[in-house]
Amino acid sequence: MRFTHIGLENWRNFLEVAVPLEGRVFLVGPNAAGKSNFLDAIRFLRDVADVQGGFQRAVSSRRGVSQIRSLHARRYPNVAVEVMVDLSDGKPWGYRLEFTQDNQRRPVVKREIVTHGDDTLLSRPNSEDKRDPELLTQTHLEQVNTNRRFRELADFFAKVRYLHLVPQLVREPDRSAGRVNDAFGGDFLEQLARAPSKTLKSRLKRITHALRVAVPQLQELDLKRDERGVPHLLGRYKHWRPNAGWQNETQLSDGTLRLLGLLWVFLDGTAPLLLEEPELSLHTAVVRHIPQILARLSRKSDRQVLVSTHSADMLSDPGIGAEEVLVLEPLKEGTRIEVAKDVEQIRSLLEGGMSMAEAVIPRTAPVGAEQLPLFGDAL
């Protein structure tokens, strides 16, 4: 089950883009090009479909329509997110949500369309919306009494996972008190603790085995609650004293925590996974193998993974296909997205024997970056 296509209109950096999506996608571009904003469009659909979220909350958590709408958009145009989805039932699903804000700055639906193959299951505004415009403050996607005919699509959106783990939040969970399934790791240890005991032990055992590649001294991982009921991640390292090698999450390195988080989320579910710069804090020797992990994950569970990255080490993997890489290029008005295989220059470099990193990374380098060292002269 995966996204096969996405189109964005007036969504933050993007005035109008439409690209296909493979089972594994690498987003590459300079800083502020819109990689995070691209992933956030998919997160937005998840937030709308989430039973704890909804359209109004999804927009307000992004500080309103005016903050979502592209700065390059013309006066008060609609914002739109449109996706095509393969749910392995023989027919493609389509969902389009257009929205704006009313005079009270409330988000309102301008169009909501659901298709399944050649059939249109929903098209709004409908006659009920015209009789009662207040209905347009909610999508049908989020309402169980109106999404019956396409509930499997809503469930698919709601299961999308996003991860950009911040080690400091894992170490100090009180800073994210009250959050559930926090993408930044505020309740990461609670997520582990909520897993059934048998599942937790099995996953920690597999993760320990994998982590030893990066942390050879690691012998064992465990999760225990303290006297206050707060869960703590414990790692046992080689030590000449049998019980002296235990450390908790406050003593684990950023790289260890981030890699552990990645490995956990790889094992947790089969819905599409959105990863934000997974190379951060990791050794280059580990980063080089992330694409292979993703490929095996896709083969085993058919799980789609979308990754934003700046890493030449990651993109040096020879198994990455040109159809899997989306190249973001900032223009005077908005950001353009192209599939690497459709860019003649990139295609020629790849055919000439260059790696994906050598063909793509130079295109994403900031113009004038070589001037940065001159900053030291100004101090």
Protein backbone atom coordinates (compact mmCIF):
# COMPACT_ATOMS: atom_id res chain seq x y z
CA MET A 1 0.00 0.00 0.00
CA ARG A 2 1.61 3.24 -1.08
CA PHE A 3 1.35 6.69 -2.58
CA THR A 4 1.96 6.60 -6.33
CA HIS A 5 1.60 10.29 -7.17
CA ILE A 6 1.37 13.63 -5.41
CA GLY A 7 0.38 17.07 -6.64
CA LEU A 8 0.69 20.32 -4.66
CA GLU A 9 -0.71 23.77 -5.42
CA ASN A 10 0.26 26.85 -3.43
CA TRP A 11 1.63 24.58 -0.68
CA ARG A 12 4.43 26.53 0.99
CA ASN A 13 7.46 26.40 -1.36
CA PHE A 14 5.46 24.89 -4.20
CA LEU A 15 3.27 26.90 -6.53
CA GLU A 16 2.40 23.85 -8.60
CA VAL A 17 4.19 20.51 -8.71
CA ALA A 18 3.14 16.98 -9.64
CA VAL A 19 5.46 13.97 -9.40
CA PRO A 20 5.23 10.17 -9.32
CA LEU A 21 6.36 8.35 -6.18
CA GLU A 22 8.18 5.02 -6.13
CA GLY A 23 8.30 2.56 -3.25
CA ARG A 24 11.52 4.21 -2.12
CA VAL A 25 12.00 7.97 -2.61
CA PHE A 26 15.01 10.20 -1.91
CA LEU A 27 14.36 13.96 -1.72
CA VAL A 28 17.45 15.97 -2.56
CA GLY A 29 17.86 19.73 -2.66
CA PRO A 30 19.60 22.73 -1.06
CA ASN A 31 18.63 24.13 2.33
CA ALA A 32 15.20 25.78 2.39
CA ALA A 33 14.25 24.21 -0.95
CA GLY A 34 11.19 22.56 0.61
CA LYS A 35 12.14 18.95 1.36
CA SER A 36 10.49 19.10 4.80
CA ASN A 37 7.49 20.94 3.38
CA PHE A 38 7.06 18.24 0.75
CA LEU A 39 6.98 15.53 3.42
CA ASP A 40 4.68 17.71 5.51
CA ALA A 41 2.02 17.63 2.79
CA ILE A 42 1.71 13.88 3.35
CA ARG A 43 1.79 14.41 7.12
CA PHE A 44 -1.05 16.90 6.66
CA LEU A 45 -3.27 14.24 5.12
CA ARG A 46 -2.38 11.95 8.00
CA ASP A 47 -3.31 14.63 10.53
CA VAL A 48 -6.63 15.30 8.80
CA ALA A 49 -7.53 11.60 8.80
CA ASP A 50 -6.35 10.98 12.38
CA VAL A 51 -9.26 10.47 14.79
CA GLN A 52 -7.42 12.68 17.30
CA GLY A 53 -6.81 15.36 14.69
CA GLY A 54 -9.03 16.57 11.88
CA PHE A 55 -8.92 19.35 9.31
CA GLN A 56 -9.15 22.29 11.72
CA ARG A 57 -6.42 20.95 14.02
CA ALA A 58 -4.17 20.00 11.10
CA VAL A 59 -4.28 23.57 9.80
CA SER A 60 -4.01 25.27 13.19
CA SER A 61 -0.96 23.16 14.13
CA ARG A 62 0.68 24.70 11.07
CA ARG A 63 -0.33 28.20 12.28
CA GLY A 64 -3.16 28.73 9.85
CA VAL A 65 -3.88 28.84 6.14
CA SER A 66 -1.83 32.00 5.65
CA GLN A 67 1.29 30.18 6.87
CA ILE A 68 0.65 27.19 4.63
CA ARG A 69 -0.18 29.13 1.48
CA SER A 70 2.85 29.81 -0.72
CA LEU A 71 4.33 33.29 -0.42
CA HIS A 72 4.47 33.33 -4.22
CA ALA A 73 0.77 32.57 -4.62
CA ARG A 74 -1.51 35.13 -6.18
CA ARG A 75 -4.09 36.91 -4.04
CA TYR A 76 -6.06 34.45 -1.86
CA PRO A 77 -5.87 31.35 -4.04
CA ASN A 78 -6.73 27.93 -2.74
CA VAL A 79 -4.18 25.53 -1.29
CA ALA A 80 -4.45 22.01 -2.71
CA VAL A 81 -3.01 18.57 -1.97
CA GLU A 82 -3.81 15.73 -4.34
CA VAL A 83 -2.58 12.14 -4.16
CA MET A 84 -3.02 8.85 -5.96
CA VAL A 85 -2.81 5.73 -3.82
CA ASP A 86 -2.43 2.02 -4.51
CA LEU A 87 -4.17 -0.03 -1.81
CA SER A 88 -3.60 -3.33 -3.65
CA ASP A 89 -7.29 -3.79 -4.46
CA GLY A 90 -6.94 -3.53 -8.22
CA LYS A 91 -8.13 0.06 -8.60
CA PRO A 92 -6.22 3.30 -7.93
CA TRP A 93 -7.58 5.63 -5.28
CA GLY A 94 -7.50 9.39 -5.66
CA TYR A 95 -7.97 12.12 -3.07
CA ARG A 96 -7.93 15.88 -3.58
CA LEU A 97 -8.39 18.51 -0.88
CA GLU A 98 -8.57 22.21 -1.72
CA PHE A 99 -8.98 24.73 1.06
CA THR A 100 -8.73 28.40 1.95
CA GLN A 101 -9.89 30.56 4.88
CA ASP A 102 -13.05 32.56 5.42
CA ASN A 103 -13.42 36.13 6.70
CA GLN A 104 -12.93 34.85 10.26
CA ARG A 105 -9.66 33.14 9.20
CA ARG A 106 -11.21 29.73 9.69
CA PRO A 107 -10.03 27.02 7.31
CA VAL A 108 -12.79 25.99 4.91
CA VAL A 109 -12.95 23.24 2.33
CA LYS A 110 -13.30 24.50 -1.23
CA ARG A 111 -13.18 21.08 -2.90
CA GLU A 112 -12.92 17.52 -1.65
CA ILE A 113 -12.90 14.69 -4.17
CA VAL A 114 -12.47 10.94 -3.70
CA THR A 115 -12.17 8.58 -6.66
CA HIS A 116 -11.77 4.82 -6.89
CA GLY A 117 -10.86 3.68 -10.36
CA ASP A 118 -13.35 5.37 -12.71
CA ASP A 119 -15.87 5.98 -9.94
CA THR A 120 -16.23 9.28 -8.09
CA LEU A 121 -17.21 8.43 -4.51
CA LEU A 122 -17.27 12.00 -3.20
CA SER A 123 -17.40 15.45 -4.75
CA ARG A 124 -17.80 18.51 -2.58
CA PRO A 125 -19.28 21.06 -2.23
CA ASN A 126 -22.50 19.08 -2.56
CA SER A 127 -26.13 20.01 -2.03
CA GLU A 128 -25.86 19.58 1.76
CA ASP A 129 -22.83 21.89 1.89
CA LYS A 130 -24.72 24.54 -0.04
CA ARG A 131 -27.62 24.35 2.39
CA ASP A 132 -25.31 24.46 5.41
CA PRO A 133 -21.88 26.07 4.63
CA GLU A 134 -20.69 25.25 8.18
CA LEU A 135 -20.22 21.69 6.97
CA LEU A 136 -17.27 22.92 4.91
CA THR A 137 -15.25 23.51 8.08
CA GLN A 138 -14.69 19.74 8.17
CA THR A 139 -13.63 17.17 5.61
CA HIS A 140 -15.60 13.99 5.03
CA LEU A 141 -12.29 12.15 5.30
CA GLU A 142 -12.15 12.68 9.07
CA GLN A 143 -15.78 11.76 9.82
CA VAL A 144 -16.70 8.11 10.33
CA ASN A 145 -20.34 8.81 9.45
CA THR A 146 -19.38 10.20 6.03
CA ASN A 147 -16.24 8.27 5.02
CA ARG A 148 -17.84 4.81 4.99
CA ARG A 149 -17.33 4.30 1.24
CA PHE A 150 -13.65 5.23 1.41
CA ARG A 151 -12.74 4.45 5.00
CA GLU A 152 -9.84 2.22 3.95
CA LEU A 153 -8.27 5.28 2.32
CA ALA A 154 -8.76 7.32 5.50
CA ASP A 155 -7.22 4.50 7.56
CA PHE A 156 -4.25 4.38 5.17
CA PHE A 157 -3.60 8.11 5.59
CA ALA A 158 -3.93 7.90 9.38
CA LYS A 159 -1.26 5.19 9.64
CA VAL A 160 1.50 7.17 7.89
CA ARG A 161 4.58 7.46 10.14
CA TYR A 162 7.03 10.36 10.31
CA LEU A 163 10.31 10.36 12.22
CA HIS A 164 12.85 13.07 12.93
CA LEU A 165 14.09 11.92 16.31
CA VAL A 166 15.74 14.54 18.52
CA PRO A 167 17.98 12.72 21.04
CA GLN A 168 17.64 15.43 23.67
CA LEU A 169 13.85 14.92 23.77
CA VAL A 170 14.38 11.21 24.34
CA ARG A 171 16.65 12.02 27.26
CA GLU A 172 14.28 14.62 28.71
CA PRO A 173 10.73 13.38 27.97
CA ASP A 174 9.20 15.92 30.39
CA ARG A 175 9.81 18.55 27.72
CA SER A 176 7.21 16.79 25.54
CA ALA A 177 4.77 15.76 28.26
CA GLY A 178 1.34 14.86 26.95
CA ARG A 179 2.42 14.08 23.40
CA VAL A 180 1.50 10.78 21.79
CA ASN A 181 3.47 9.25 18.92
CA ASP A 182 5.63 12.36 18.82
CA ALA A 183 7.69 12.32 15.62
CA PHE A 184 10.57 14.06 17.39
CA GLY A 185 10.96 11.47 20.12
CA GLY A 186 9.30 13.16 23.09
CA ASP A 187 7.38 9.99 23.95
CA PHE A 188 9.70 7.55 22.16
CA LEU A 189 10.34 5.45 25.27
CA GLU A 190 6.61 5.34 26.00
CA GLN A 191 6.08 4.08 22.46
CA LEU A 192 8.47 1.23 23.22
CA ALA A 193 6.78 0.57 26.55
CA ARG A 194 3.34 0.36 24.90
CA ALA A 195 4.47 -2.56 22.74
CA PRO A 196 3.46 -6.04 23.99
CA SER A 197 6.20 -7.55 26.15
CA LYS A 198 6.96 -10.35 23.69
CA THR A 199 7.14 -7.92 20.76
CA LEU A 200 9.35 -5.50 22.72
CA LYS A 201 11.85 -8.19 23.67
CA SER A 202 11.98 -9.57 20.14
CA ARG A 203 12.55 -6.15 18.56
CA LEU A 204 15.14 -5.06 21.12
CA LYS A 205 17.03 -8.27 20.48
CA ARG A 206 17.06 -7.66 16.72
CA ILE A 207 18.01 -4.01 17.22
CA THR A 208 20.85 -4.95 19.59
CA HIS A 209 22.28 -7.29 16.98
CA ALA A 210 22.16 -4.53 14.34
CA LEU A 211 23.49 -1.83 16.66
CA ARG A 212 26.62 -3.85 17.43
CA VAL A 213 27.85 -2.97 13.95
CA ALA A 214 28.01 0.70 14.99
CA VAL A 215 28.51 0.15 18.73
CA PRO A 216 30.63 -3.02 19.12
CA GLN A 217 30.70 -2.83 22.94
CA LEU A 218 26.89 -3.06 23.23
CA GLN A 219 25.78 -6.37 24.72
CA GLU A 220 22.09 -5.97 25.53
CA LEU A 221 19.13 -3.57 25.46
CA ASP A 222 16.28 -3.48 27.94
CA LEU A 223 13.40 -1.19 28.92
CA LYS A 224 12.30 -0.74 32.53
CA ARG A 225 10.12 1.70 34.43
CA ASP A 226 11.45 3.50 37.50
CA GLU A 227 9.62 4.02 40.78
CA ARG A 228 7.61 6.87 39.19
CA GLY A 229 6.55 4.68 36.30
CA VAL A 230 8.78 6.51 33.80
CA PRO A 231 10.29 4.13 31.21
CA HIS A 232 14.05 4.10 30.73
CA LEU A 233 16.09 2.53 27.97
CA LEU A 234 19.00 0.54 29.35
CA GLY A 235 22.05 -0.58 27.44
CA ARG A 236 24.63 -3.01 28.81
CA TYR A 237 28.19 -2.57 27.56
CA LYS A 238 31.27 -4.74 27.94
CA HIS A 239 32.93 -4.09 31.29
CA TRP A 240 35.30 -6.01 33.56
CA ARG A 241 32.71 -5.72 36.36
CA PRO A 242 29.53 -7.69 35.43
CA ASN A 243 26.98 -5.10 36.58
CA ALA A 244 28.93 -1.93 35.88
CA GLY A 245 28.26 -1.75 32.14
CA TRP A 246 24.62 -0.63 32.30
CA GLN A 247 23.77 2.86 30.99
CA ASN A 248 20.43 4.56 30.49
CA GLU A 249 19.27 6.87 27.69
CA THR A 250 20.89 9.92 29.31
CA GLN A 251 24.30 8.32 28.76
CA LEU A 252 23.76 7.02 25.23
CA SER A 253 25.21 9.04 22.36
CA ASP A 254 23.10 10.99 19.88
CA GLY A 255 24.09 8.60 17.11
CA THR A 256 23.13 5.54 19.14
CA LEU A 257 19.71 6.98 20.00
CA ARG A 258 19.00 8.09 16.43
CA LEU A 259 20.04 4.76 14.95
CA LEU A 260 17.99 2.92 17.57
CA GLY A 261 14.99 5.07 16.68
CA LEU A 262 15.42 4.33 12.99
CA LEU A 263 15.68 0.60 13.54
CA TRP A 264 12.63 0.61 15.81
CA VAL A 265 10.43 2.47 13.33
CA PHE A 266 11.59 0.15 10.53
CA LEU A 267 10.14 -2.75 12.52
CA ASP A 268 7.01 -0.91 13.63
CA GLY A 269 4.24 -1.16 11.04
CA THR A 270 3.90 -1.38 7.27
CA ALA A 271 2.39 2.02 6.41
CA PRO A 272 4.41 4.62 4.48
CA LEU A 273 7.34 5.99 6.47
CA LEU A 274 8.66 9.56 6.19
CA LEU A 275 12.26 10.09 7.34
CA GLU A 276 13.89 13.48 7.82
CA GLU A 277 17.67 13.42 7.25
CA PRO A 278 18.30 10.02 8.90
CA GLU A 279 22.05 10.50 8.41
CA LEU A 280 22.32 13.06 11.23
CA SER A 281 24.75 12.04 14.02
CA LEU A 282 25.57 8.76 12.26
CA HIS A 283 28.99 7.62 11.05
CA THR A 284 29.40 7.63 7.28
CA ALA A 285 30.02 3.87 7.32
CA VAL A 286 26.52 3.43 8.78
CA VAL A 287 24.87 6.00 6.50
CA ARG A 288 26.08 4.17 3.39
CA HIS A 289 23.99 1.16 4.33
CA ILE A 290 20.69 2.96 4.99
CA PRO A 291 19.50 2.62 1.35
CA GLN A 292 20.11 -1.14 1.52
CA ILE A 293 18.14 -1.37 4.76
CA LEU A 294 15.28 0.49 3.08
CA ALA A 295 15.43 -1.76 0.02
CA ARG A 296 15.24 -4.91 2.13
CA LEU A 297 12.46 -3.38 4.21
CA SER A 298 10.52 -2.70 1.03
CA ARG A 299 11.02 -6.21 -0.28
CA LYS A 300 10.01 -7.84 2.99
CA SER A 301 6.99 -5.75 3.97
CA ASP A 302 6.34 -3.75 0.79
CA ARG A 303 6.65 -0.61 2.89
CA GLN A 304 7.08 2.72 1.15
CA VAL A 305 9.77 5.03 2.53
CA LEU A 306 10.34 8.69 1.63
CA VAL A 307 13.66 10.17 2.78
CA SER A 308 14.97 13.72 2.74
CA THR A 309 18.75 13.87 2.68
CA HIS A 310 21.87 15.92 2.05
CA SER A 311 24.14 12.90 2.36
CA ALA A 312 26.53 12.06 -0.46
CA ASP A 313 27.36 8.84 1.38
CA MET A 314 23.76 7.70 1.26
CA LEU A 315 23.29 8.64 -2.39
CA SER A 316 26.48 6.82 -3.35
CA ASP A 317 24.68 3.49 -3.02
CA PRO A 318 24.74 1.92 -6.51
CA GLY A 319 21.30 0.38 -5.99
CA ILE A 320 19.50 3.75 -6.06
CA GLY A 321 17.61 4.20 -9.30
CA ALA A 322 17.20 7.53 -11.07
CA GLU A 323 13.42 7.10 -10.84
CA GLU A 324 13.70 7.04 -7.03
CA VAL A 325 15.33 10.47 -6.66
CA LEU A 326 13.39 13.74 -6.63
CA VAL A 327 15.55 16.82 -7.16
CA LEU A 328 14.26 20.08 -5.70
CA GLU A 329 15.41 23.35 -7.28
CA PRO A 330 14.42 26.77 -5.87
CA LEU A 331 13.35 29.27 -8.50
CA LYS A 332 12.40 32.94 -8.28
CA GLU A 333 8.82 31.91 -7.62
CA GLY A 334 8.58 28.64 -5.75
CA THR A 335 10.44 25.35 -5.98
CA ARG A 336 10.53 22.98 -8.93
CA ILE A 337 10.68 19.21 -8.46
CA GLU A 338 12.04 16.87 -11.11
CA VAL A 339 12.57 13.13 -11.16
CA ALA A 340 16.30 12.54 -11.65
CA LYS A 341 15.74 10.21 -14.61
CA ASP A 342 13.93 13.02 -16.45
CA VAL A 343 16.85 15.47 -16.12
CA GLU A 344 19.04 15.06 -19.20
CA GLN A 345 22.25 16.22 -17.53
CA ILE A 346 21.83 13.84 -14.58
CA ARG A 347 20.92 10.98 -16.89
CA SER A 348 24.04 11.58 -18.98
CA LEU A 349 26.29 11.64 -15.90
CA LEU A 350 24.81 8.38 -14.65
CA GLU A 351 25.23 6.74 -18.04
CA GLY A 352 28.84 7.95 -17.97
CA GLY A 353 29.49 5.93 -14.81
CA MET A 354 29.03 8.53 -12.07
CA SER A 355 27.21 7.66 -8.86
CA MET A 356 23.89 9.28 -7.98
CA ALA A 357 25.71 11.43 -5.41
CA GLU A 358 28.20 12.71 -8.00
CA ALA A 359 25.43 13.43 -10.48
CA VAL A 360 22.95 15.10 -8.12
CA ILE A 361 24.70 16.68 -5.11
CA PRO A 362 26.57 19.38 -7.12
CA ARG A 363 23.20 20.58 -8.47
CA THR A 364 21.95 21.14 -4.93
CA ALA A 365 24.98 23.04 -3.61
CA PRO A 366 24.16 26.62 -2.52
CA VAL A 367 25.38 29.23 -4.97
CA GLY A 368 28.29 31.13 -3.45
CA ALA A 369 28.93 28.64 -0.64
CA GLU A 370 32.66 29.15 -1.20
CA GLN A 371 32.23 32.68 0.16
CA LEU A 372 31.35 31.45 3.67
CA PRO A 373 35.01 31.24 4.86
CA LEU A 374 35.25 35.01 4.30
CA PHE A 375 32.92 35.44 7.28
CA GLY A 376 35.94 34.81 9.52
CA ASP A 377 37.66 37.85 8.07
CA ALA A 378 34.76 40.03 9.12
CA LEU A 379 35.03 39.15 12.80
